[in-house]
Amino acid sequence: MKRILSILILLVSFILQAQNKDTAFQSGEWFKFRIHYGFINASYATLEVKDEYLNGKNVYHVIGKGQTTGFASWFFKVDDNYESYFDKETGRPYKFIRQIDEGGHTKDIEIDFNHEREKALVNNKKHKTKKEYNIEKDVQDMVSAFYYLRNNYDVSNIKEGDEIILNMFFDKENFKFKLKFLGREIMRTKFGKVPCLKFRPYVQAGRVFKENESLTLWVSDDENKIPIRIKAKLMVGSLKADLDAFKGLKHPFKIVVD
């Protein structure tokens, strides 16, 4: 009996280790991006993954921060904080926080997800209101979606023109997030030449973006699938974000050697 139990424990440990190797990221991963608005070095943004314990569950806690710097902050100050708590096994979000101050336009929203009831409780702290909304099955918030896609989509056989569709909930609205694969490309970066997957996330045209095809995203074509560059056509001007620093990657960072 003891031997059988020992074998079972070893098998479970092996399976868990194998599953862990398949994940694209880990606690301690950290990115820093340099953001340019036209020719101006406008701001920096960071993304960090931490281990957390939320309502009896072991979760990942991702914190995203963005701030304008230098000359840009004189005429348009940005101070943004985004946070997501999501399940380590399924990737389902449990809590999402959005605190922004963009040129005086502010929001302070906290969303608690109940996937069993398919409900989201939106706490608008700025306006001191709480309201519950229906959510779709397997819904993601705007931060957890990035990590969910990194872990759950096999891109080894992806073809140009293929689309990925994901259920999203943002502020108080359900919508379908669509990502189109545009092909593979070698990007020149400060770290060297990086093989990348090129995507077109479809966004809502209007207050910020010029059109729904305004955004282009490059992620590393390796096991990490980390963002290398983002380009956006805005209603006024254009924006580019480049990976500037990183640490805590789970897998080797693939660079092409000439």
C-alpha atoms as a PDB file:
ATOM      1  CA  MET A   1       0.000   0.000   0.000  1.00  0.00           C
ATOM      2  CA  LYS A   2       2.805   2.398   0.916  1.00  0.00           C
ATOM      3  CA  ARG A   3       4.581   1.606  -2.359  1.00  0.00           C
ATOM      4  CA  ILE A   4       1.427   2.263  -4.380  1.00  0.00           C
ATOM      5  CA  LEU A   5       0.924   5.558  -2.547  1.00  0.00           C
ATOM      6  CA  SER A   6       4.540   6.537  -3.211  1.00  0.00           C
ATOM      7  CA  ILE A   7       4.154   5.764  -6.921  1.00  0.00           C
ATOM      8  CA  LEU A   8       0.954   7.841  -7.080  1.00  0.00           C
ATOM      9  CA  ILE A   9       2.674  10.790  -5.387  1.00  0.00           C
ATOM     10  CA  LEU A  10       5.584  10.536  -7.845  1.00  0.00           C
ATOM     11  CA  LEU A  11       3.191  10.397 -10.801  1.00  0.00           C
ATOM     12  CA  VAL A  12       1.245  13.439  -9.592  1.00  0.00           C
ATOM     13  CA  SER A  13       4.495  15.325  -8.990  1.00  0.00           C
ATOM     14  CA  PHE A  14       5.699  14.451 -12.489  1.00  0.00           C
ATOM     15  CA  ILE A  15       2.405  15.613 -14.061  1.00  0.00           C
ATOM     16  CA  LEU A  16       2.477  18.868 -12.124  1.00  0.00           C
ATOM     17  CA  GLN A  17       6.085  19.490 -13.144  1.00  0.00           C
ATOM     18  CA  ALA A  18       5.233  18.769 -16.778  1.00  0.00           C
ATOM     19  CA  GLN A  19       2.315  21.181 -16.613  1.00  0.00           C
ATOM     20  CA  ASN A  20       4.524  23.800 -14.999  1.00  0.00           C
ATOM     21  CA  LYS A  21       7.087  23.473 -17.810  1.00  0.00           C
ATOM     22  CA  ASP A  22       4.360  24.160 -20.360  1.00  0.00           C
ATOM     23  CA  THR A  23       3.459  27.536 -18.892  1.00  0.00           C
ATOM     24  CA  ALA A  24       4.815  30.625 -20.614  1.00  0.00           C
ATOM     25  CA  PHE A  25       5.486  32.690 -17.485  1.00  0.00           C
ATOM     26  CA  GLN A  26       6.137  32.480 -13.756  1.00  0.00           C
ATOM     27  CA  SER A  27       6.035  34.559 -10.620  1.00  0.00           C
ATOM     28  CA  GLY A  28       8.819  37.143 -10.682  1.00  0.00           C
ATOM     29  CA  GLU A  29       8.469  37.958 -14.377  1.00  0.00           C
ATOM     30  CA  TRP A  30       8.846  41.704 -14.960  1.00  0.00           C
ATOM     31  CA  PHE A  31       8.780  43.874 -18.086  1.00  0.00           C
ATOM     32  CA  LYS A  32       9.544  47.521 -18.660  1.00  0.00           C
ATOM     33  CA  PHE A  33       8.417  49.324 -21.814  1.00  0.00           C
ATOM     34  CA  ARG A  34       9.532  52.650 -23.232  1.00  0.00           C
ATOM     35  CA  ILE A  35       6.629  54.493 -24.833  1.00  0.00           C
ATOM     36  CA  HIS A  36       7.095  57.083 -27.574  1.00  0.00           C
ATOM     37  CA  TYR A  37       4.426  59.513 -28.686  1.00  0.00           C
ATOM     38  CA  GLY A  38       5.649  60.636 -32.078  1.00  0.00           C
ATOM     39  CA  PHE A  39       9.274  61.672 -31.510  1.00  0.00           C
ATOM     40  CA  ILE A  40       8.783  62.259 -27.778  1.00  0.00           C
ATOM     41  CA  ASN A  41       9.850  59.693 -25.186  1.00  0.00           C
ATOM     42  CA  ALA A  42       6.516  60.038 -23.427  1.00  0.00           C
ATOM     43  CA  SER A  43       6.418  57.473 -20.646  1.00  0.00           C
ATOM     44  CA  TYR A  44       7.377  54.120 -19.198  1.00  0.00           C
ATOM     45  CA  ALA A  45       5.151  51.177 -18.339  1.00  0.00           C
ATOM     46  CA  THR A  46       5.811  48.030 -16.315  1.00  0.00           C
ATOM     47  CA  LEU A  47       4.159  44.623 -15.928  1.00  0.00           C
ATOM     48  CA  GLU A  48       4.980  42.380 -12.970  1.00  0.00           C
ATOM     49  CA  VAL A  49       3.766  38.899 -11.946  1.00  0.00           C
ATOM     50  CA  LYS A  50       3.531  37.971  -8.260  1.00  0.00           C
ATOM     51  CA  ASP A  51       2.227  35.046  -6.217  1.00  0.00           C
ATOM     52  CA  GLU A  52      -0.807  35.940  -4.107  1.00  0.00           C
ATOM     53  CA  TYR A  53      -3.460  34.322  -1.920  1.00  0.00           C
ATOM     54  CA  LEU A  54      -6.995  35.593  -2.563  1.00  0.00           C
ATOM     55  CA  ASN A  55     -10.169  34.280  -0.877  1.00  0.00           C
ATOM     56  CA  GLY A  56      -8.630  30.902  -0.156  1.00  0.00           C
ATOM     57  CA  LYS A  57      -7.079  30.464  -3.599  1.00  0.00           C
ATOM     58  CA  ASN A  58      -3.491  30.593  -4.832  1.00  0.00           C
ATOM     59  CA  VAL A  59      -3.480  33.115  -7.671  1.00  0.00           C
ATOM     60  CA  TYR A  60      -1.208  35.148  -9.876  1.00  0.00           C
ATOM     61  CA  HIS A  61      -1.328  38.869  -9.200  1.00  0.00           C
ATOM     62  CA  VAL A  62      -0.270  40.979 -12.173  1.00  0.00           C
ATOM     63  CA  ILE A  63       0.379  44.688 -11.670  1.00  0.00           C
ATOM     64  CA  GLY A  64       0.643  47.039 -14.621  1.00  0.00           C
ATOM     65  CA  LYS A  65       1.730  50.654 -14.141  1.00  0.00           C
ATOM     66  CA  GLY A  66       2.205  53.503 -16.593  1.00  0.00           C
ATOM     67  CA  GLN A  67       3.377  57.085 -16.053  1.00  0.00           C
ATOM     68  CA  THR A  68       4.381  59.973 -18.271  1.00  0.00           C
ATOM     69  CA  THR A  69       7.892  61.312 -17.786  1.00  0.00           C
ATOM     70  CA  GLY A  70       9.896  64.425 -18.585  1.00  0.00           C
ATOM     71  CA  PHE A  71       8.559  66.918 -21.112  1.00  0.00           C
ATOM     72  CA  ALA A  72       5.431  64.865 -21.917  1.00  0.00           C
ATOM     73  CA  SER A  73       4.149  65.130 -18.354  1.00  0.00           C
ATOM     74  CA  TRP A  74       4.085  68.931 -18.640  1.00  0.00           C
ATOM     75  CA  PHE A  75       1.173  68.930 -21.090  1.00  0.00           C
ATOM     76  CA  PHE A  76      -0.507  65.542 -20.561  1.00  0.00           C
ATOM     77  CA  LYS A  77       0.001  63.721 -17.281  1.00  0.00           C
ATOM     78  CA  VAL A  78      -0.733  59.989 -17.104  1.00  0.00           C
ATOM     79  CA  ASP A  79      -0.723  57.889 -13.941  1.00  0.00           C
ATOM     80  CA  ASP A  80      -2.325  54.468 -14.536  1.00  0.00           C
ATOM     81  CA  ASN A  81      -2.577  51.344 -12.384  1.00  0.00           C
ATOM     82  CA  TYR A  82      -4.057  48.060 -13.626  1.00  0.00           C
ATOM     83  CA  GLU A  83      -4.184  44.884 -11.545  1.00  0.00           C
ATOM     84  CA  SER A  84      -5.559  41.399 -12.120  1.00  0.00           C
ATOM     85  CA  TYR A  85      -5.828  38.392  -9.824  1.00  0.00           C
ATOM     86  CA  PHE A  86      -6.342  35.173 -11.777  1.00  0.00           C
ATOM     87  CA  ASP A  87      -6.347  31.428 -11.158  1.00  0.00           C
ATOM     88  CA  LYS A  88      -2.996  29.673 -11.573  1.00  0.00           C
ATOM     89  CA  GLU A  89      -4.555  26.608 -13.187  1.00  0.00           C
ATOM     90  CA  THR A  90      -7.418  27.915 -15.327  1.00  0.00           C
ATOM     91  CA  GLY A  91      -6.356  31.536 -15.898  1.00  0.00           C
ATOM     92  CA  ARG A  92      -9.848  32.754 -14.918  1.00  0.00           C
ATOM     93  CA  PRO A  93      -9.791  36.242 -13.357  1.00  0.00           C
ATOM     94  CA  TYR A  94     -11.197  36.747  -9.851  1.00  0.00           C
ATOM     95  CA  LYS A  95     -10.513  40.459  -9.385  1.00  0.00           C
ATOM     96  CA  PHE A  96      -9.611  43.345 -11.685  1.00  0.00           C
ATOM     97  CA  ILE A  97      -8.581  46.864 -10.634  1.00  0.00           C
ATOM     98  CA  ARG A  98      -8.389  49.911 -12.889  1.00  0.00           C
ATOM     99  CA  GLN A  99      -7.178  53.212 -11.440  1.00  0.00           C
ATOM    100  CA  ILE A 100      -6.323  55.825 -14.060  1.00  0.00           C
ATOM    101  CA  ASP A 101      -5.603  59.525 -14.313  1.00  0.00           C
ATOM    102  CA  GLU A 102      -5.070  60.534 -17.923  1.00  0.00           C
ATOM    103  CA  GLY A 103      -4.921  64.286 -18.341  1.00  0.00           C
ATOM    104  CA  GLY A 104      -7.552  64.735 -15.634  1.00  0.00           C
ATOM    105  CA  HIS A 105      -9.783  61.913 -16.936  1.00  0.00           C
ATOM    106  CA  THR A 106     -10.008  59.581 -13.929  1.00  0.00           C
ATOM    107  CA  LYS A 107     -11.477  56.165 -13.131  1.00  0.00           C
ATOM    108  CA  ASP A 108     -11.328  53.988 -10.029  1.00  0.00           C
ATOM    109  CA  ILE A 109     -13.018  50.659 -10.708  1.00  0.00           C
ATOM    110  CA  GLU A 110     -12.804  47.278  -8.993  1.00  0.00           C
ATOM    111  CA  ILE A 111     -14.455  44.183 -10.508  1.00  0.00           C
ATOM    112  CA  ASP A 112     -15.078  40.895  -8.677  1.00  0.00           C
ATOM    113  CA  PHE A 113     -15.839  37.911 -10.929  1.00  0.00           C
ATOM    114  CA  ASN A 114     -18.117  35.038  -9.889  1.00  0.00           C
ATOM    115  CA  HIS A 115     -17.715  32.440 -12.636  1.00  0.00           C
ATOM    116  CA  GLU A 116     -20.092  29.918 -11.094  1.00  0.00           C
ATOM    117  CA  ARG A 117     -22.945  32.454 -11.193  1.00  0.00           C
ATOM    118  CA  GLU A 118     -21.577  34.088 -14.371  1.00  0.00           C
ATOM    119  CA  LYS A 119     -21.740  37.504 -12.709  1.00  0.00           C
ATOM    120  CA  ALA A 120     -19.370  40.442 -12.274  1.00  0.00           C
ATOM    121  CA  LEU A 121     -19.760  42.933  -9.431  1.00  0.00           C
ATOM    122  CA  VAL A 122     -18.487  46.337 -10.585  1.00  0.00           C
ATOM    123  CA  ASN A 123     -17.531  48.702  -7.783  1.00  0.00           C
ATOM    124  CA  ASN A 124     -17.161  52.219  -9.195  1.00  0.00           C
ATOM    125  CA  LYS A 125     -15.316  53.876  -6.332  1.00  0.00           C
ATOM    126  CA  LYS A 126     -15.232  57.281  -7.996  1.00  0.00           C
ATOM    127  CA  HIS A 127     -19.021  57.465  -8.229  1.00  0.00           C
ATOM    128  CA  LYS A 128     -19.608  55.267  -5.148  1.00  0.00           C
ATOM    129  CA  THR A 129     -21.834  52.796  -6.983  1.00  0.00           C
ATOM    130  CA  LYS A 130     -21.981  49.013  -7.127  1.00  0.00           C
ATOM    131  CA  LYS A 131     -23.761  47.036  -9.808  1.00  0.00           C
ATOM    132  CA  GLU A 132     -23.827  43.398 -10.892  1.00  0.00           C
ATOM    133  CA  TYR A 133     -23.607  42.388 -14.565  1.00  0.00           C
ATOM    134  CA  ASN A 134     -23.961  39.115 -16.456  1.00  0.00           C
ATOM    135  CA  ILE A 135     -20.729  37.771 -17.916  1.00  0.00           C
ATOM    136  CA  GLU A 136     -19.945  35.231 -20.606  1.00  0.00           C
ATOM    137  CA  LYS A 137     -18.420  31.826 -19.959  1.00  0.00           C
ATOM    138  CA  ASP A 138     -14.596  31.795 -19.751  1.00  0.00           C
ATOM    139  CA  VAL A 139     -14.487  35.598 -19.638  1.00  0.00           C
ATOM    140  CA  GLN A 140     -11.210  37.477 -19.197  1.00  0.00           C
ATOM    141  CA  ASP A 141     -10.308  40.972 -18.067  1.00  0.00           C
ATOM    142  CA  MET A 142      -7.961  43.126 -20.130  1.00  0.00           C
ATOM    143  CA  VAL A 143      -4.855  42.084 -18.141  1.00  0.00           C
ATOM    144  CA  SER A 144      -5.560  38.395 -17.506  1.00  0.00           C
ATOM    145  CA  ALA A 145      -6.371  37.951 -21.230  1.00  0.00           C
ATOM    146  CA  PHE A 146      -2.731  38.552 -22.209  1.00  0.00           C
ATOM    147  CA  TYR A 147      -1.452  35.883 -19.813  1.00  0.00           C
ATOM    148  CA  TYR A 148      -4.264  33.484 -20.716  1.00  0.00           C
ATOM    149  CA  LEU A 149      -3.372  33.735 -24.405  1.00  0.00           C
ATOM    150  CA  ARG A 150       0.323  33.181 -23.680  1.00  0.00           C
ATOM    151  CA  ASN A 151      -0.462  29.936 -21.865  1.00  0.00           C
ATOM    152  CA  ASN A 152      -3.373  28.500 -23.807  1.00  0.00           C
ATOM    153  CA  TYR A 153      -2.805  29.020 -27.523  1.00  0.00           C
ATOM    154  CA  ASP A 154      -0.427  26.816 -29.468  1.00  0.00           C
ATOM    155  CA  VAL A 155       1.105  28.964 -32.200  1.00  0.00           C
ATOM    156  CA  SER A 156       3.327  26.297 -33.712  1.00  0.00           C
ATOM    157  CA  ASN A 157       0.878  25.693 -36.576  1.00  0.00           C
ATOM    158  CA  ILE A 158      -0.715  29.135 -36.760  1.00  0.00           C
ATOM    159  CA  LYS A 159      -1.277  30.459 -40.282  1.00  0.00           C
ATOM    160  CA  GLU A 160      -1.414  33.998 -41.635  1.00  0.00           C
ATOM    161  CA  GLY A 161      -4.992  35.244 -41.396  1.00  0.00           C
ATOM    162  CA  ASP A 162      -5.953  32.960 -38.489  1.00  0.00           C
ATOM    163  CA  GLU A 163      -8.035  34.678 -35.808  1.00  0.00           C
ATOM    164  CA  ILE A 164      -8.288  34.155 -32.052  1.00  0.00           C
ATOM    165  CA  ILE A 165     -11.505  35.237 -30.338  1.00  0.00           C
ATOM    166  CA  LEU A 166     -11.841  35.679 -26.594  1.00  0.00           C
ATOM    167  CA  ASN A 167     -14.708  36.660 -24.280  1.00  0.00           C
ATOM    168  CA  MET A 168     -13.821  39.901 -22.457  1.00  0.00           C
ATOM    169  CA  PHE A 169     -15.459  42.047 -19.789  1.00  0.00           C
ATOM    170  CA  PHE A 170     -14.338  45.665 -19.454  1.00  0.00           C
ATOM    171  CA  ASP A 171     -15.785  48.266 -17.049  1.00  0.00           C
ATOM    172  CA  LYS A 172     -19.413  47.148 -17.483  1.00  0.00           C
ATOM    173  CA  GLU A 173     -19.519  45.599 -20.920  1.00  0.00           C
ATOM    174  CA  ASN A 174     -19.124  42.136 -22.474  1.00  0.00           C
ATOM    175  CA  PHE A 175     -17.458  42.016 -25.872  1.00  0.00           C
ATOM    176  CA  LYS A 176     -15.570  39.692 -28.187  1.00  0.00           C
ATOM    177  CA  PHE A 177     -11.861  40.417 -28.338  1.00  0.00           C
ATOM    178  CA  LYS A 178     -10.404  39.422 -31.709  1.00  0.00           C
ATOM    179  CA  LEU A 179      -6.746  38.941 -32.566  1.00  0.00           C
ATOM    180  CA  LYS A 180      -5.618  38.315 -36.152  1.00  0.00           C
ATOM    181  CA  PHE A 181      -2.285  36.700 -37.010  1.00  0.00           C
ATOM    182  CA  LEU A 182      -0.364  38.691 -39.626  1.00  0.00           C
ATOM    183  CA  GLY A 183       2.743  36.516 -39.971  1.00  0.00           C
ATOM    184  CA  ARG A 184       6.270  36.080 -38.648  1.00  0.00           C
ATOM    185  CA  GLU A 185       8.909  38.808 -38.656  1.00  0.00           C
ATOM    186  CA  ILE A 186      12.433  39.414 -37.345  1.00  0.00           C
ATOM    187  CA  MET A 187      12.458  42.569 -35.216  1.00  0.00           C
ATOM    188  CA  ARG A 188      15.555  44.656 -34.497  1.00  0.00           C
ATOM    189  CA  THR A 189      15.629  45.499 -30.780  1.00  0.00           C
ATOM    190  CA  LYS A 190      18.134  46.772 -28.216  1.00  0.00           C
ATOM    191  CA  PHE A 191      18.679  43.120 -27.282  1.00  0.00           C
ATOM    192  CA  GLY A 192      19.418  41.994 -30.847  1.00  0.00           C
ATOM    193  CA  LYS A 193      17.310  40.471 -33.631  1.00  0.00           C
ATOM    194  CA  VAL A 194      14.239  38.766 -32.162  1.00  0.00           C
ATOM    195  CA  PRO A 195      11.980  36.347 -34.116  1.00  0.00           C
ATOM    196  CA  CYS A 196       8.413  37.571 -33.579  1.00  0.00           C
ATOM    197  CA  LEU A 197       4.790  36.712 -34.181  1.00  0.00           C
ATOM    198  CA  LYS A 198       2.873  39.677 -35.558  1.00  0.00           C
ATOM    199  CA  PHE A 199      -0.764  40.234 -34.542  1.00  0.00           C
ATOM    200  CA  ARG A 200      -3.558  42.717 -35.179  1.00  0.00           C
ATOM    201  CA  PRO A 201      -5.739  43.203 -32.073  1.00  0.00           C
ATOM    202  CA  TYR A 202      -9.037  44.760 -33.150  1.00  0.00           C
ATOM    203  CA  VAL A 203      -9.928  47.792 -31.037  1.00  0.00           C
ATOM    204  CA  GLN A 204     -12.863  50.166 -30.869  1.00  0.00           C
ATOM    205  CA  ALA A 205     -12.428  53.263 -33.005  1.00  0.00           C
ATOM    206  CA  GLY A 206     -13.420  56.522 -31.362  1.00  0.00           C
ATOM    207  CA  ARG A 207     -12.023  58.528 -28.478  1.00  0.00           C
ATOM    208  CA  VAL A 208      -8.497  57.015 -28.548  1.00  0.00           C
ATOM    209  CA  PHE A 209      -7.886  54.920 -31.669  1.00  0.00           C
ATOM    210  CA  LYS A 210      -8.228  56.184 -35.218  1.00  0.00           C
ATOM    211  CA  GLU A 211      -9.804  52.956 -36.535  1.00  0.00           C
ATOM    212  CA  ASN A 212     -10.452  49.382 -35.390  1.00  0.00           C
ATOM    213  CA  GLU A 213      -7.259  48.191 -37.131  1.00  0.00           C
ATOM    214  CA  SER A 214      -5.084  50.840 -35.480  1.00  0.00           C
ATOM    215  CA  LEU A 215      -3.083  48.471 -33.264  1.00  0.00           C
ATOM    216  CA  THR A 216      -0.227  46.119 -34.178  1.00  0.00           C
ATOM    217  CA  LEU A 217       1.506  43.806 -31.703  1.00  0.00           C
ATOM    218  CA  TRP A 218       4.738  41.806 -31.965  1.00  0.00           C
ATOM    219  CA  VAL A 219       5.444  39.013 -29.442  1.00  0.00           C
ATOM    220  CA  SER A 220       8.533  36.825 -29.240  1.00  0.00           C
ATOM    221  CA  ASP A 221       8.298  33.604 -31.246  1.00  0.00           C
ATOM    222  CA  ASP A 222       9.545  31.424 -28.408  1.00  0.00           C
ATOM    223  CA  GLU A 223       8.106  29.738 -25.312  1.00  0.00           C
ATOM    224  CA  ASN A 224       7.859  33.060 -23.438  1.00  0.00           C
ATOM    225  CA  LYS A 225       5.644  34.903 -25.977  1.00  0.00           C
ATOM    226  CA  ILE A 226       6.627  38.250 -24.482  1.00  0.00           C
ATOM    227  CA  PRO A 227       5.566  41.597 -26.028  1.00  0.00           C
ATOM    228  CA  ILE A 228       8.399  43.144 -28.036  1.00  0.00           C
ATOM    229  CA  ARG A 229       6.698  46.100 -29.710  1.00  0.00           C
ATOM    230  CA  ILE A 230       3.271  47.742 -29.915  1.00  0.00           C
ATOM    231  CA  LYS A 231       2.319  50.364 -32.503  1.00  0.00           C
ATOM    232  CA  ALA A 232      -0.908  52.363 -32.491  1.00  0.00           C
ATOM    233  CA  LYS A 233      -2.489  54.961 -34.775  1.00  0.00           C
ATOM    234  CA  LEU A 234      -4.294  57.392 -32.492  1.00  0.00           C
ATOM    235  CA  MET A 235      -6.926  59.996 -33.216  1.00  0.00           C
ATOM    236  CA  VAL A 236      -4.083  62.489 -32.881  1.00  0.00           C
ATOM    237  CA  GLY A 237      -0.604  61.201 -33.742  1.00  0.00           C
ATOM    238  CA  SER A 238       0.863  57.753 -33.201  1.00  0.00           C
ATOM    239  CA  LEU A 239       2.326  55.743 -30.346  1.00  0.00           C
ATOM    240  CA  LYS A 240       5.044  53.099 -30.124  1.00  0.00           C
ATOM    241  CA  ALA A 241       5.989  50.965 -27.107  1.00  0.00           C
ATOM    242  CA  ASP A 242       9.211  48.906 -27.094  1.00  0.00           C
ATOM    243  CA  LEU A 243      10.418  46.361 -24.572  1.00  0.00           C
ATOM    244  CA  ASP A 244      13.182  48.156 -22.668  1.00  0.00           C
ATOM    245  CA  ALA A 245      14.081  45.738 -19.855  1.00  0.00           C
ATOM    246  CA  PHE A 246      13.004  42.387 -18.446  1.00  0.00           C
ATOM    247  CA  LYS A 247      13.778  39.815 -15.774  1.00  0.00           C
ATOM    248  CA  GLY A 248      12.393  36.578 -14.381  1.00  0.00           C
ATOM    249  CA  LEU A 249      11.589  34.920 -17.718  1.00  0.00           C
ATOM    250  CA  LYS A 250      10.706  31.268 -17.423  1.00  0.00           C
ATOM    251  CA  HIS A 251      12.316  30.233 -20.712  1.00  0.00           C
ATOM    252  CA  PRO A 252      15.393  31.323 -22.681  1.00  0.00           C
ATOM    253  CA  PHE A 253      14.905  34.530 -24.679  1.00  0.00           C
ATOM    254  CA  LYS A 254      15.389  33.653 -28.350  1.00  0.00           C
ATOM    255  CA  ILE A 255      17.716  35.995 -30.264  1.00  0.00           C
ATOM    256  CA  VAL A 256      18.937  35.473 -33.842  1.00  0.00           C
ATOM    257  CA  VAL A 257      22.708  35.378 -34.192  1.00  0.00           C
ATOM    258  CA  ASP A 258      24.040  36.522 -37.593  1.00  0.00           C
END
